[in-house]
Structures are given as C-alpha cells and as structure tokens.
Amino acid sequence: MNTSEAAATTIGGTGGRAGAAPRVIGSLSPSRAGDFMTCPLLYRFRVIDKIPERPSPAAVRGTLVHAVLERLFDRPAGDRTVEAALELLGPQWERLRAAEPVLATLFADDAAGESDQAGWLEQARRMLERYFTLEDPRRLEPAERELFVETVLDSGLKLRGFIDRVDVAPSGDVRIVDYKTGASPRADFEARALFQMKFYALVVWRLHGRVPRLLQLMYLGNGEVLRYEPDEADLRATERKVEALWQAIRRAMDTGEWRPRTSRLCDWCDHKERCPQFGGTPPPLPVVPVDRPTPADLESAARAHDAP
C-alpha cells in the first residue's frame, strides 16, 4: 500500500476521481507555491539553482516544537501533559542535531552562544506551554501526524505536501490542523495564511472525494487559533489558483525571467546579496537536461518541511 492509499484508508474512503491518471507535467507544494507568490526569484534560487540556505533559529525552533508535538501523541492519552512535552524538548533537540550536523553552527561555541541557546530553548518551552492553553491533547486521538499527501489534478499538475495533523470525527468529518510557531497574522493577511490549508484541503478532497470539515491554524507564538470551514467553491478556486501559479512558473522557466518582488521579508532573505533589487547579480541559470521538460523533479528535490 503506498502513502496515498494508506492516507485514504485512514482518513475515510478512497474517493477521488475514476479514470486513468493524467501524465504528470509538474509538481507543487504549499511551501514552493508560497515562495513563488512571495518572490519568483526566491523560487528560482531554491528550486532551480538549489542554493543552500543557512538554518535560521526561528525555523529550527519551529521544527523542534513540531517534533515534540508529534511525539507527544505517541504517549498514552493520560500522559500527554505539559510536563511530558517539556521532557521531550531536550531529547528531540539532540535528535535533530544528530540528524542535521549543520545545526551545530546555529549557536556560537562559547558562553554567549550557550546563553543564546538557553534563551532559544526557553522560547520553545513557552510555545509548548501555550499549546496546552489551546487544546487538551489527552482528549484527542489524531488519525494521522506528519501525513504526506499527494494527488494529480486533471491538468497533470501534482500537488504534494505534509500535513501536521489530521483528526477524524466518528461522523467521518475531517479536521486538518497546522501548528505555527509565529504569531497570528493581521486580518488582511489571513487569506494568505489560509492558502496553505486550502491547498491541503484540496489534495484531501481530490484524494478522497470529501471536503474537510474544518481547517485549523494554531499559532503558538501568541496563543491564537484561526479556524475556517471550506466548501467546494473554496477548493475549486484554490485549484484554479495553483494552476495559474504553475502556468506562471512555466512561463518563467521558458523565458528565464525570474523577477524579484521586494517586501519586508527581504530583510531575512539568505539571497539578498545576489538579488538585483539590492545591487546583486543572480548566478547563471543552470543548464536543464533535454529529458527534463518541466521543473517537476526540481520541485521534488527542493522540497522542505512546510514552514512553521
């Protein structure tokens, strides 16, 4: 049984659409779609050029908190307490550092670095404590955690991604949950925040033929929860949006024009020094082999966890 089949069994029904699967023309994840919407040149640096990026303390802390929350549900329901979550923090940090040696460079190897790491871990502790003010994990039995899902649209565009948590009610209603270690967005940015969740809901709908009942974003940075009830119209609009994004990516691939788009996020971008908006020069585009007609494989190779 492959991953998608396993997901179908757990979430509730194989659903989906009958008929032969279309030829895959490309692949897109919420993270990479978000990159392109933020800045096409950023998408190019990450997916086409595959330029390595330095690990950021905020992103790594998000990965750490996600890992703790995932493993918290390995414990019996009655043992899912604040104390248990905090006990997991140190071992999970050691596990991440062992798996990714580059994380050893996140903090300086001196007294100042030790102090920075202690403060960083304290912030992670506060996020975990805040999680328990939002829901009681002793009353939950997730159907899936860190679930990889993928589906191919009629156009041949493959959508894929990792869902933090899937809850299934006795009625069969599905709730998609995502943990965010930042603060909740202002009202005028909520639509952008929900795009990732609607993307996941679209994949689940196309896989199983049932629209998820609820999308839930849990912001552990400030203890807010954003909930949204999608319908078919929402998900059809999301499908049109990702198709349009893919067409824009294809045009950039065909023309070689990856235009930068400046925003406040530029201040945290690893690629600022090579961005023409800041006096830099992008490297020459890599030569694409003739047997690679689209960036589909590049997208797959560049996939990272959906940002926290």
C-alpha atoms as a PDB file:
ATOM      1  CA  MET A   1       0.000   0.000   0.000  1.00  0.00           C
ATOM      2  CA  ASN A   2       1.531   3.339  -0.968  1.00  0.00           C
ATOM      3  CA  THR A   3       1.377   6.516   1.120  1.00  0.00           C
ATOM      4  CA  SER A   4      -1.669   7.960  -0.600  1.00  0.00           C
ATOM      5  CA  GLU A   5      -3.549   4.662  -0.292  1.00  0.00           C
ATOM      6  CA  ALA A   6      -2.712   4.483   3.406  1.00  0.00           C
ATOM      7  CA  ALA A   7      -3.945   8.029   3.867  1.00  0.00           C
ATOM      8  CA  ALA A   8      -7.150   7.194   2.034  1.00  0.00           C
ATOM      9  CA  THR A   9      -7.815   4.240   4.312  1.00  0.00           C
ATOM     10  CA  THR A  10      -7.193   6.238   7.481  1.00  0.00           C
ATOM     11  CA  ILE A  11      -8.953   9.454   6.532  1.00  0.00           C
ATOM     12  CA  GLY A  12     -12.037   7.718   5.276  1.00  0.00           C
ATOM     13  CA  GLY A  13     -12.622   6.185   1.868  1.00  0.00           C
ATOM     14  CA  THR A  14     -10.651   6.031  -1.332  1.00  0.00           C
ATOM     15  CA  GLY A  15     -12.940   8.562  -3.018  1.00  0.00           C
ATOM     16  CA  GLY A  16     -11.213  10.539  -5.720  1.00  0.00           C
ATOM     17  CA  ARG A  17     -11.960  10.539  -9.414  1.00  0.00           C
ATOM     18  CA  ALA A  18     -12.100   7.491 -11.631  1.00  0.00           C
ATOM     19  CA  GLY A  19     -10.196   7.025 -14.844  1.00  0.00           C
ATOM     20  CA  ALA A  20      -6.577   6.812 -15.913  1.00  0.00           C
ATOM     21  CA  ALA A  21      -4.192   9.188 -14.146  1.00  0.00           C
ATOM     22  CA  PRO A  22      -3.003  12.036 -16.380  1.00  0.00           C
ATOM     23  CA  ARG A  23       0.645  12.411 -17.299  1.00  0.00           C
ATOM     24  CA  VAL A  24       2.427  14.433 -14.618  1.00  0.00           C
ATOM     25  CA  ILE A  25       3.559  17.792 -16.016  1.00  0.00           C
ATOM     26  CA  GLY A  26       4.940  19.265 -12.826  1.00  0.00           C
ATOM     27  CA  SER A  27       4.824  19.269  -9.046  1.00  0.00           C
ATOM     28  CA  LEU A  28       3.978  21.914  -6.488  1.00  0.00           C
ATOM     29  CA  SER A  29       3.937  22.045  -2.693  1.00  0.00           C
ATOM     30  CA  PRO A  30       2.477  24.759  -0.461  1.00  0.00           C
ATOM     31  CA  SER A  31       5.969  25.921   0.517  1.00  0.00           C
ATOM     32  CA  ARG A  32       7.162  26.335  -3.036  1.00  0.00           C
ATOM     33  CA  ALA A  33       3.879  27.895  -4.140  1.00  0.00           C
ATOM     34  CA  GLY A  34       4.310  30.339  -1.277  1.00  0.00           C
ATOM     35  CA  ASP A  35       7.879  31.061  -2.391  1.00  0.00           C
ATOM     36  CA  PHE A  36       6.722  31.962  -5.881  1.00  0.00           C
ATOM     37  CA  MET A  37       3.921  34.167  -4.602  1.00  0.00           C
ATOM     38  CA  THR A  38       6.369  35.908  -2.278  1.00  0.00           C
ATOM     39  CA  CYS A  39       9.081  36.343  -4.910  1.00  0.00           C
ATOM     40  CA  PRO A  40       9.600  34.424  -8.175  1.00  0.00           C
ATOM     41  CA  LEU A  41      13.353  34.914  -7.854  1.00  0.00           C
ATOM     42  CA  LEU A  42      13.281  33.255  -4.431  1.00  0.00           C
ATOM     43  CA  TYR A  43      11.540  30.268  -6.019  1.00  0.00           C
ATOM     44  CA  ARG A  44      14.287  30.129  -8.629  1.00  0.00           C
ATOM     45  CA  PHE A  45      17.091  30.260  -6.051  1.00  0.00           C
ATOM     46  CA  ARG A  46      15.508  27.461  -4.032  1.00  0.00           C
ATOM     47  CA  VAL A  47      14.116  25.169  -6.721  1.00  0.00           C
ATOM     48  CA  ILE A  48      16.132  25.791  -9.886  1.00  0.00           C
ATOM     49  CA  ASP A  49      19.537  26.851  -8.508  1.00  0.00           C
ATOM     50  CA  LYS A  50      19.195  24.797  -5.282  1.00  0.00           C
ATOM     51  CA  ILE A  51      21.323  27.319  -3.398  1.00  0.00           C
ATOM     52  CA  PRO A  52      21.852  26.169   0.212  1.00  0.00           C
ATOM     53  CA  GLU A  53      20.475  28.391   2.950  1.00  0.00           C
ATOM     54  CA  ARG A  54      21.699  28.864   6.486  1.00  0.00           C
ATOM     55  CA  PRO A  55      19.407  27.394   9.138  1.00  0.00           C
ATOM     56  CA  SER A  56      17.567  30.163  10.952  1.00  0.00           C
ATOM     57  CA  PRO A  57      16.921  29.933  14.706  1.00  0.00           C
ATOM     58  CA  ALA A  58      13.200  30.632  14.207  1.00  0.00           C
ATOM     59  CA  ALA A  59      12.754  27.930  11.555  1.00  0.00           C
ATOM     60  CA  VAL A  60      14.722  25.333  13.531  1.00  0.00           C
ATOM     61  CA  ARG A  61      12.760  26.143  16.675  1.00  0.00           C
ATOM     62  CA  GLY A  62       9.580  25.558  14.680  1.00  0.00           C
ATOM     63  CA  THR A  63      10.883  22.169  13.558  1.00  0.00           C
ATOM     64  CA  LEU A  64      11.754  21.303  17.148  1.00  0.00           C
ATOM     65  CA  VAL A  65       8.328  22.268  18.529  1.00  0.00           C
ATOM     66  CA  HIS A  66       6.615  20.317  15.731  1.00  0.00           C
ATOM     67  CA  ALA A  67       8.719  17.252  16.571  1.00  0.00           C
ATOM     68  CA  VAL A  68       7.788  17.444  20.247  1.00  0.00           C
ATOM     69  CA  LEU A  69       4.072  17.778  19.498  1.00  0.00           C
ATOM     70  CA  GLU A  70       4.202  14.901  17.026  1.00  0.00           C
ATOM     71  CA  ARG A  71       5.838  12.582  19.546  1.00  0.00           C
ATOM     72  CA  LEU A  72       3.649  13.718  22.408  1.00  0.00           C
ATOM     73  CA  PHE A  73       0.820  11.759  20.774  1.00  0.00           C
ATOM     74  CA  ASP A  74       2.918   8.586  20.921  1.00  0.00           C
ATOM     75  CA  ARG A  75       2.202   8.570  24.640  1.00  0.00           C
ATOM     76  CA  PRO A  76      -0.966   7.180  26.235  1.00  0.00           C
ATOM     77  CA  ALA A  77      -3.694   9.825  26.371  1.00  0.00           C
ATOM     78  CA  GLY A  78      -3.412  10.344  30.115  1.00  0.00           C
ATOM     79  CA  ASP A  79       0.327  11.017  29.875  1.00  0.00           C
ATOM     80  CA  ARG A  80       0.031  13.889  27.384  1.00  0.00           C
ATOM     81  CA  THR A  81       0.789  16.637  29.861  1.00  0.00           C
ATOM     82  CA  VAL A  82       2.773  19.867  29.837  1.00  0.00           C
ATOM     83  CA  GLU A  83       5.487  18.149  31.849  1.00  0.00           C
ATOM     84  CA  ALA A  84       5.696  15.304  29.330  1.00  0.00           C
ATOM     85  CA  ALA A  85       6.028  17.756  26.436  1.00  0.00           C
ATOM     86  CA  LEU A  86       8.792  19.678  28.187  1.00  0.00           C
ATOM     87  CA  GLU A  87      10.604  16.425  28.941  1.00  0.00           C
ATOM     88  CA  LEU A  88      10.647  15.674  25.220  1.00  0.00           C
ATOM     89  CA  LEU A  89      12.234  19.011  24.309  1.00  0.00           C
ATOM     90  CA  GLY A  90      15.848  18.197  25.193  1.00  0.00           C
ATOM     91  CA  PRO A  91      15.934  14.720  23.606  1.00  0.00           C
ATOM     92  CA  GLN A  92      14.268  15.983  20.443  1.00  0.00           C
ATOM     93  CA  TRP A  93      16.794  18.798  20.154  1.00  0.00           C
ATOM     94  CA  GLU A  94      19.623  16.271  20.489  1.00  0.00           C
ATOM     95  CA  ARG A  95      17.968  14.067  17.864  1.00  0.00           C
ATOM     96  CA  LEU A  96      17.670  16.965  15.406  1.00  0.00           C
ATOM     97  CA  ARG A  97      21.309  17.970  15.917  1.00  0.00           C
ATOM     98  CA  ALA A  98      22.456  14.395  15.370  1.00  0.00           C
ATOM     99  CA  ALA A  99      20.397  14.137  12.177  1.00  0.00           C
ATOM    100  CA  GLU A 100      21.471  17.552  10.858  1.00  0.00           C
ATOM    101  CA  PRO A 101      25.109  18.294  11.829  1.00  0.00           C
ATOM    102  CA  VAL A 102      24.822  21.796  10.325  1.00  0.00           C
ATOM    103  CA  LEU A 103      22.620  22.733  13.298  1.00  0.00           C
ATOM    104  CA  ALA A 104      25.740  22.654  15.462  1.00  0.00           C
ATOM    105  CA  THR A 105      26.598  26.015  13.880  1.00  0.00           C
ATOM    106  CA  LEU A 106      23.309  27.618  14.918  1.00  0.00           C
ATOM    107  CA  PHE A 107      24.869  28.962  18.126  1.00  0.00           C
ATOM    108  CA  ALA A 108      28.436  30.044  18.809  1.00  0.00           C
ATOM    109  CA  ASP A 109      30.642  27.617  20.739  1.00  0.00           C
ATOM    110  CA  ASP A 110      31.229  29.977  23.650  1.00  0.00           C
ATOM    111  CA  ALA A 111      29.482  31.410  26.689  1.00  0.00           C
ATOM    112  CA  ALA A 112      27.459  33.844  24.590  1.00  0.00           C
ATOM    113  CA  GLY A 113      26.321  31.002  22.349  1.00  0.00           C
ATOM    114  CA  GLU A 114      25.256  28.929  25.350  1.00  0.00           C
ATOM    115  CA  SER A 115      23.237  31.878  26.624  1.00  0.00           C
ATOM    116  CA  ASP A 116      21.611  32.347  23.205  1.00  0.00           C
ATOM    117  CA  GLN A 117      20.715  28.665  23.036  1.00  0.00           C
ATOM    118  CA  ALA A 118      19.232  28.731  26.535  1.00  0.00           C
ATOM    119  CA  GLY A 119      17.037  31.690  25.595  1.00  0.00           C
ATOM    120  CA  TRP A 120      16.046  29.983  22.361  1.00  0.00           C
ATOM    121  CA  LEU A 121      15.036  26.812  24.194  1.00  0.00           C
ATOM    122  CA  GLU A 122      13.088  28.863  26.727  1.00  0.00           C
ATOM    123  CA  GLN A 123      11.049  30.340  23.885  1.00  0.00           C
ATOM    124  CA  ALA A 124      10.315  26.808  22.662  1.00  0.00           C
ATOM    125  CA  ARG A 125       9.198  25.859  26.188  1.00  0.00           C
ATOM    126  CA  ARG A 126       6.803  28.806  26.295  1.00  0.00           C
ATOM    127  CA  MET A 127       5.332  27.776  22.944  1.00  0.00           C
ATOM    128  CA  LEU A 128       4.731  24.243  24.188  1.00  0.00           C
ATOM    129  CA  GLU A 129       3.112  25.537  27.368  1.00  0.00           C
ATOM    130  CA  ARG A 130       0.928  27.833  25.281  1.00  0.00           C
ATOM    131  CA  TYR A 131      -0.202  24.887  23.161  1.00  0.00           C
ATOM    132  CA  PHE A 132      -1.888  23.373  26.223  1.00  0.00           C
ATOM    133  CA  THR A 133      -3.970  26.529  26.661  1.00  0.00           C
ATOM    134  CA  LEU A 134      -5.440  25.980  23.184  1.00  0.00           C
ATOM    135  CA  GLU A 135      -6.485  22.317  23.405  1.00  0.00           C
ATOM    136  CA  ASP A 136      -6.185  19.266  25.621  1.00  0.00           C
ATOM    137  CA  PRO A 137      -4.227  16.521  23.821  1.00  0.00           C
ATOM    138  CA  ARG A 138      -5.489  13.974  26.352  1.00  0.00           C
ATOM    139  CA  ARG A 139      -8.886  14.224  24.653  1.00  0.00           C
ATOM    140  CA  LEU A 140      -7.569  13.723  21.114  1.00  0.00           C
ATOM    141  CA  GLU A 141      -6.574  10.705  19.048  1.00  0.00           C
ATOM    142  CA  PRO A 142      -5.236  12.028  15.738  1.00  0.00           C
ATOM    143  CA  ALA A 143      -5.839   9.858  12.702  1.00  0.00           C
ATOM    144  CA  GLU A 144      -2.533  10.992  11.192  1.00  0.00           C
ATOM    145  CA  ARG A 145       0.511  13.044  12.105  1.00  0.00           C
ATOM    146  CA  GLU A 146       3.057  14.425   9.657  1.00  0.00           C
ATOM    147  CA  LEU A 147       0.994  12.907   6.865  1.00  0.00           C
ATOM    148  CA  PHE A 148       2.446  13.060   3.354  1.00  0.00           C
ATOM    149  CA  VAL A 149      -0.296  13.529   0.765  1.00  0.00           C
ATOM    150  CA  GLU A 150      -0.191  13.948  -2.981  1.00  0.00           C
ATOM    151  CA  THR A 151      -2.613  13.926  -5.862  1.00  0.00           C
ATOM    152  CA  VAL A 152      -2.515  14.699  -9.578  1.00  0.00           C
ATOM    153  CA  LEU A 153      -5.016  17.193 -10.975  1.00  0.00           C
ATOM    154  CA  ASP A 154      -6.699  16.652 -14.331  1.00  0.00           C
ATOM    155  CA  SER A 155      -4.146  19.021 -15.867  1.00  0.00           C
ATOM    156  CA  GLY A 156      -1.296  16.722 -14.797  1.00  0.00           C
ATOM    157  CA  LEU A 157      -0.072  19.034 -12.033  1.00  0.00           C
ATOM    158  CA  LYS A 158       0.932  17.027  -8.964  1.00  0.00           C
ATOM    159  CA  LEU A 159       0.167  18.606  -5.595  1.00  0.00           C
ATOM    160  CA  ARG A 160       2.023  17.331  -2.571  1.00  0.00           C
ATOM    161  CA  GLY A 161       2.768  18.277   0.996  1.00  0.00           C
ATOM    162  CA  PHE A 162       2.974  17.279   4.657  1.00  0.00           C
ATOM    163  CA  ILE A 163       0.025  17.867   6.975  1.00  0.00           C
ATOM    164  CA  ASP A 164       0.903  18.334  10.658  1.00  0.00           C
ATOM    165  CA  ARG A 165      -2.178  16.558  11.943  1.00  0.00           C
ATOM    166  CA  VAL A 166      -5.422  15.061  10.691  1.00  0.00           C
ATOM    167  CA  ASP A 167      -8.314  14.449  13.080  1.00  0.00           C
ATOM    168  CA  VAL A 168     -11.310  12.359  12.044  1.00  0.00           C
ATOM    169  CA  ALA A 169     -14.573  12.528  13.985  1.00  0.00           C
ATOM    170  CA  PRO A 170     -16.835   9.470  14.447  1.00  0.00           C
ATOM    171  CA  SER A 171     -19.094  11.059  11.816  1.00  0.00           C
ATOM    172  CA  GLY A 172     -16.224  10.946   9.339  1.00  0.00           C
ATOM    173  CA  ASP A 173     -15.711  14.719   9.370  1.00  0.00           C
ATOM    174  CA  VAL A 174     -12.067  15.636   8.811  1.00  0.00           C
ATOM    175  CA  ARG A 175     -10.156  18.414  10.552  1.00  0.00           C
ATOM    176  CA  ILE A 176      -6.775  19.496   9.186  1.00  0.00           C
ATOM    177  CA  VAL A 177      -4.525  21.031  11.843  1.00  0.00           C
ATOM    178  CA  ASP A 178      -1.324  23.006  11.343  1.00  0.00           C
ATOM    179  CA  TYR A 179       0.952  24.310  14.104  1.00  0.00           C
ATOM    180  CA  LYS A 180       2.564  27.714  13.586  1.00  0.00           C
ATOM    181  CA  THR A 181       5.289  28.932  15.915  1.00  0.00           C
ATOM    182  CA  GLY A 182       4.878  32.541  14.880  1.00  0.00           C
ATOM    183  CA  ALA A 183       2.126  34.979  15.807  1.00  0.00           C
ATOM    184  CA  SER A 184      -1.254  35.047  14.099  1.00  0.00           C
ATOM    185  CA  PRO A 185      -1.446  37.333  11.041  1.00  0.00           C
ATOM    186  CA  ARG A 186      -3.362  40.572  10.820  1.00  0.00           C
ATOM    187  CA  ALA A 187      -6.848  40.273   9.355  1.00  0.00           C
ATOM    188  CA  ASP A 188      -5.693  41.482   5.931  1.00  0.00           C
ATOM    189  CA  PHE A 189      -3.109  38.662   5.776  1.00  0.00           C
ATOM    190  CA  GLU A 190      -5.405  35.842   6.867  1.00  0.00           C
ATOM    191  CA  ALA A 191      -6.197  34.800   3.289  1.00  0.00           C
ATOM    192  CA  ARG A 192      -2.516  34.232   2.597  1.00  0.00           C
ATOM    193  CA  ALA A 193      -2.176  32.258   5.825  1.00  0.00           C
ATOM    194  CA  LEU A 194      -5.120  30.071   4.857  1.00  0.00           C
ATOM    195  CA  PHE A 195      -3.777  29.337   1.375  1.00  0.00           C
ATOM    196  CA  GLN A 196      -1.565  26.520   2.668  1.00  0.00           C
ATOM    197  CA  MET A 197      -4.508  24.955   4.495  1.00  0.00           C
ATOM    198  CA  LYS A 198      -6.801  25.219   1.480  1.00  0.00           C
ATOM    199  CA  PHE A 199      -4.027  23.626  -0.581  1.00  0.00           C
ATOM    200  CA  TYR A 200      -4.012  20.636   1.792  1.00  0.00           C
ATOM    201  CA  ALA A 201      -7.814  20.544   1.810  1.00  0.00           C
ATOM    202  CA  LEU A 202      -7.814  20.470  -1.990  1.00  0.00           C
ATOM    203  CA  VAL A 203      -5.443  17.489  -2.010  1.00  0.00           C
ATOM    204  CA  VAL A 204      -7.527  15.618   0.577  1.00  0.00           C
ATOM    205  CA  TRP A 205     -10.736  16.386  -1.337  1.00  0.00           C
ATOM    206  CA  ARG A 206      -9.291  15.203  -4.645  1.00  0.00           C
ATOM    207  CA  LEU A 207      -7.921  12.072  -2.991  1.00  0.00           C
ATOM    208  CA  HIS A 208     -10.988  11.059  -1.009  1.00  0.00           C
ATOM    209  CA  GLY A 209     -13.936  12.915  -2.512  1.00  0.00           C
ATOM    210  CA  ARG A 210     -14.856  14.608   0.755  1.00  0.00           C
ATOM    211  CA  VAL A 211     -14.283  18.252   1.669  1.00  0.00           C
ATOM    212  CA  PRO A 212     -12.578  18.569   5.077  1.00  0.00           C
ATOM    213  CA  ARG A 213     -14.968  19.967   7.661  1.00  0.00           C
ATOM    214  CA  LEU A 214     -12.509  22.328   9.341  1.00  0.00           C
ATOM    215  CA  LEU A 215      -9.100  23.897   8.757  1.00  0.00           C
ATOM    216  CA  GLN A 216      -7.346  24.932  11.956  1.00  0.00           C
ATOM    217  CA  LEU A 217      -4.180  27.009  12.304  1.00  0.00           C
ATOM    218  CA  MET A 218      -2.766  27.068  15.829  1.00  0.00           C
ATOM    219  CA  TYR A 219      -0.424  30.000  16.451  1.00  0.00           C
ATOM    220  CA  LEU A 220       1.830  29.082  19.352  1.00  0.00           C
ATOM    221  CA  GLY A 221       3.595  32.440  19.192  1.00  0.00           C
ATOM    222  CA  ASN A 222       0.644  34.291  20.699  1.00  0.00           C
ATOM    223  CA  GLY A 223      -1.936  31.626  21.505  1.00  0.00           C
ATOM    224  CA  GLU A 224      -4.444  32.395  18.768  1.00  0.00           C
ATOM    225  CA  VAL A 225      -6.385  29.845  16.710  1.00  0.00           C
ATOM    226  CA  LEU A 226      -7.622  30.538  13.187  1.00  0.00           C
ATOM    227  CA  ARG A 227     -10.447  28.258  12.059  1.00  0.00           C
ATOM    228  CA  TYR A 228     -12.028  28.055   8.642  1.00  0.00           C
ATOM    229  CA  GLU A 229     -14.764  25.866   7.181  1.00  0.00           C
ATOM    230  CA  PRO A 230     -14.099  25.328   3.463  1.00  0.00           C
ATOM    231  CA  ASP A 231     -16.610  24.320   0.825  1.00  0.00           C
ATOM    232  CA  GLU A 232     -16.305  23.022  -2.718  1.00  0.00           C
ATOM    233  CA  ALA A 233     -16.332  26.528  -4.158  1.00  0.00           C
ATOM    234  CA  ASP A 234     -13.323  27.431  -1.978  1.00  0.00           C
ATOM    235  CA  LEU A 235     -11.398  24.403  -3.114  1.00  0.00           C
ATOM    236  CA  ARG A 236     -12.246  24.864  -6.787  1.00  0.00           C
ATOM    237  CA  ALA A 237     -10.984  28.448  -6.501  1.00  0.00           C
ATOM    238  CA  THR A 238      -7.820  27.141  -4.826  1.00  0.00           C
ATOM    239  CA  GLU A 239      -7.346  24.671  -7.664  1.00  0.00           C
ATOM    240  CA  ARG A 240      -7.625  27.473 -10.212  1.00  0.00           C
ATOM    241  CA  LYS A 241      -5.106  29.491  -8.226  1.00  0.00           C
ATOM    242  CA  VAL A 242      -2.485  26.734  -8.080  1.00  0.00           C
ATOM    243  CA  GLU A 243      -2.987  26.031 -11.792  1.00  0.00           C
ATOM    244  CA  ALA A 244      -2.407  29.722 -12.540  1.00  0.00           C
ATOM    245  CA  LEU A 245       0.678  29.719 -10.315  1.00  0.00           C
ATOM    246  CA  TRP A 246       2.038  26.732 -12.186  1.00  0.00           C
ATOM    247  CA  GLN A 247       1.477  28.426 -15.521  1.00  0.00           C
ATOM    248  CA  ALA A 248       3.366  31.469 -14.238  1.00  0.00           C
ATOM    249  CA  ILE A 249       6.225  29.210 -13.101  1.00  0.00           C
ATOM    250  CA  ARG A 250       6.287  27.549 -16.511  1.00  0.00           C
ATOM    251  CA  ARG A 251       6.468  30.943 -18.238  1.00  0.00           C
ATOM    252  CA  ALA A 252       9.384  31.926 -16.020  1.00  0.00           C
ATOM    253  CA  MET A 253      11.069  28.614 -16.812  1.00  0.00           C
ATOM    254  CA  ASP A 254      10.558  29.070 -20.551  1.00  0.00           C
ATOM    255  CA  THR A 255      11.680  32.717 -20.646  1.00  0.00           C
ATOM    256  CA  GLY A 256      14.342  32.596 -17.936  1.00  0.00           C
ATOM    257  CA  GLU A 257      12.751  35.683 -16.348  1.00  0.00           C
ATOM    258  CA  TRP A 258      12.523  35.240 -12.601  1.00  0.00           C
ATOM    259  CA  ARG A 259      11.539  38.683 -11.395  1.00  0.00           C
ATOM    260  CA  PRO A 260      12.292  39.711  -7.810  1.00  0.00           C
ATOM    261  CA  ARG A 261       9.478  41.065  -5.649  1.00  0.00           C
ATOM    262  CA  THR A 262      10.519  43.131  -2.663  1.00  0.00           C
ATOM    263  CA  SER A 263       8.769  43.035   0.701  1.00  0.00           C
ATOM    264  CA  ARG A 264       9.626  43.178   4.379  1.00  0.00           C
ATOM    265  CA  LEU A 265      10.676  39.532   4.093  1.00  0.00           C
ATOM    266  CA  CYS A 266      13.737  40.644   2.129  1.00  0.00           C
ATOM    267  CA  ASP A 267      15.387  41.619   5.408  1.00  0.00           C
ATOM    268  CA  TRP A 268      15.536  37.928   6.368  1.00  0.00           C
ATOM    269  CA  CYS A 269      16.349  36.500   2.938  1.00  0.00           C
ATOM    270  CA  ASP A 270      19.566  34.496   2.551  1.00  0.00           C
ATOM    271  CA  HIS A 271      19.769  35.560  -1.098  1.00  0.00           C
ATOM    272  CA  LYS A 272      19.730  39.333  -0.655  1.00  0.00           C
ATOM    273  CA  GLU A 273      23.363  39.636  -1.713  1.00  0.00           C
ATOM    274  CA  ARG A 274      22.620  38.108  -5.121  1.00  0.00           C
ATOM    275  CA  CYS A 275      19.323  39.916  -5.686  1.00  0.00           C
ATOM    276  CA  PRO A 276      19.347  42.675  -8.348  1.00  0.00           C
ATOM    277  CA  GLN A 277      16.950  44.732  -6.229  1.00  0.00           C
ATOM    278  CA  PHE A 278      19.814  45.154  -3.760  1.00  0.00           C
ATOM    279  CA  GLY A 279      22.682  45.501  -6.231  1.00  0.00           C
ATOM    280  CA  GLY A 280      23.429  41.807  -6.545  1.00  0.00           C
ATOM    281  CA  THR A 281      23.709  39.538  -9.571  1.00  0.00           C
ATOM    282  CA  PRO A 282      21.985  36.152  -9.759  1.00  0.00           C
ATOM    283  CA  PRO A 283      24.187  33.256 -10.874  1.00  0.00           C
ATOM    284  CA  PRO A 284      23.752  31.985 -14.433  1.00  0.00           C
ATOM    285  CA  LEU A 285      20.782  29.696 -14.820  1.00  0.00           C
ATOM    286  CA  PRO A 286      21.789  26.037 -14.695  1.00  0.00           C
ATOM    287  CA  VAL A 287      21.576  24.063 -17.901  1.00  0.00           C
ATOM    288  CA  VAL A 288      18.394  21.988 -17.855  1.00  0.00           C
ATOM    289  CA  PRO A 289      18.839  18.496 -19.373  1.00  0.00           C
ATOM    290  CA  VAL A 290      16.778  17.904 -22.506  1.00  0.00           C
ATOM    291  CA  ASP A 291      14.988  14.989 -20.824  1.00  0.00           C
ATOM    292  CA  ARG A 292      13.628  17.262 -18.099  1.00  0.00           C
ATOM    293  CA  PRO A 293      10.751  19.147 -19.764  1.00  0.00           C
ATOM    294  CA  THR A 294       9.461  20.816 -16.591  1.00  0.00           C
ATOM    295  CA  PRO A 295      10.663  21.688 -13.073  1.00  0.00           C
ATOM    296  CA  ALA A 296       8.712  18.725 -11.651  1.00  0.00           C
ATOM    297  CA  ASP A 297      11.731  16.799 -10.407  1.00  0.00           C
ATOM    298  CA  LEU A 298      13.434  20.005  -9.306  1.00  0.00           C
ATOM    299  CA  GLU A 299      10.453  20.828  -7.114  1.00  0.00           C
ATOM    300  CA  SER A 300      10.596  17.390  -5.545  1.00  0.00           C
ATOM    301  CA  ALA A 301      14.321  17.649  -4.867  1.00  0.00           C
ATOM    302  CA  ALA A 302      13.944  21.087  -3.318  1.00  0.00           C
ATOM    303  CA  ARG A 303      11.039  20.179  -1.011  1.00  0.00           C
ATOM    304  CA  ALA A 304      11.488  21.122   2.610  1.00  0.00           C
ATOM    305  CA  HIS A 305       9.012  20.840   5.536  1.00  0.00           C
ATOM    306  CA  ASP A 306       6.122  23.381   5.342  1.00  0.00           C
ATOM    307  CA  ALA A 307       7.266  26.129   7.252  1.00  0.00           C
ATOM    308  CA  PRO A 308       6.285  26.600  10.556  1.00  0.00           C
END
